[in-house]
Protein backbone atom coordinates (compact mmCIF):
# COMPACT_ATOMS: atom_id res chain seq x y z
CA MET A 1 109.85 41.28 57.42
CA PRO A 2 109.13 42.15 53.77
CA THR A 3 111.42 44.58 51.98
CA VAL A 4 110.20 46.62 49.02
CA ILE A 5 112.65 48.41 46.72
CA VAL A 6 111.33 51.27 44.60
CA GLU A 7 113.56 52.63 41.84
CA GLY A 8 112.52 55.78 40.06
CA PRO A 9 113.16 59.46 39.47
CA LYS A 10 113.90 61.92 42.23
CA ILE A 11 110.83 63.03 44.20
CA GLY A 12 110.31 65.31 47.15
CA VAL A 13 110.29 64.30 50.80
CA GLU A 14 106.50 64.65 51.12
CA GLU A 15 105.99 62.37 48.12
CA LYS A 16 108.38 59.86 49.65
CA ARG A 17 106.44 59.92 52.91
CA GLU A 18 103.21 59.24 51.04
CA LEU A 19 104.80 56.49 48.94
CA VAL A 20 106.21 54.73 52.01
CA ARG A 21 102.91 55.09 53.89
CA ARG A 22 100.84 53.60 51.06
CA ILE A 23 103.24 50.76 50.23
CA THR A 24 103.50 49.86 53.91
CA ALA A 25 99.71 49.80 54.28
CA VAL A 26 99.25 47.40 51.34
CA ILE A 27 102.10 45.08 52.33
CA THR A 28 100.89 44.98 55.94
CA GLU A 29 97.35 44.17 54.80
CA VAL A 30 98.41 41.44 52.37
CA TYR A 31 101.16 39.80 54.43
CA GLY A 32 99.61 40.44 57.82
CA VAL A 33 102.95 41.45 59.33
CA PRO A 34 103.71 44.47 61.51
CA HIS A 35 107.08 45.47 60.00
CA VAL A 36 107.82 46.52 56.42
CA THR A 37 111.01 48.05 55.04
CA VAL A 38 110.78 50.35 52.00
CA LEU A 39 113.95 51.39 50.19
CA ILE A 40 113.73 54.27 47.72
CA LYS A 41 116.51 54.41 45.13
CA GLU A 42 116.52 57.55 43.05
CA ASN A 43 117.98 57.34 39.57
CA PRO A 44 119.04 60.52 37.79
CA PRO A 45 117.78 60.74 34.18
CA GLU A 46 121.30 60.40 32.80
CA ASN A 47 121.53 56.95 34.43
CA VAL A 48 118.33 55.57 32.87
CA GLY A 49 118.01 54.28 29.30
CA ILE A 50 114.70 53.63 27.56
CA ASP A 51 114.55 52.11 24.08
CA GLY A 52 118.25 52.77 23.49
CA GLU A 53 118.16 56.41 24.55
CA LEU A 54 119.04 58.13 27.82
CA LEU A 55 116.04 59.53 29.64
CA SER A 56 117.85 62.86 30.00
CA ASP A 57 118.11 63.08 26.19
CA ARG A 58 114.46 62.15 25.70
CA ARG A 59 113.36 64.96 27.98
CA LYS A 60 115.30 67.52 25.93
CA GLY A 61 113.45 66.74 22.72
């Protein structure tokens, strides 16, 4: 059973449903297996750094 971990910003429940549906469809097609686990890990902007700067600070400027 493949497991896919997606890390990104917070999104709504409907977007999560769509994300899980699409990822599952692709993994099922490629691997040919009936069961796929998708884990969504949401990271607040103050916990993400890009190019030496917090994402929360980048969004302010």
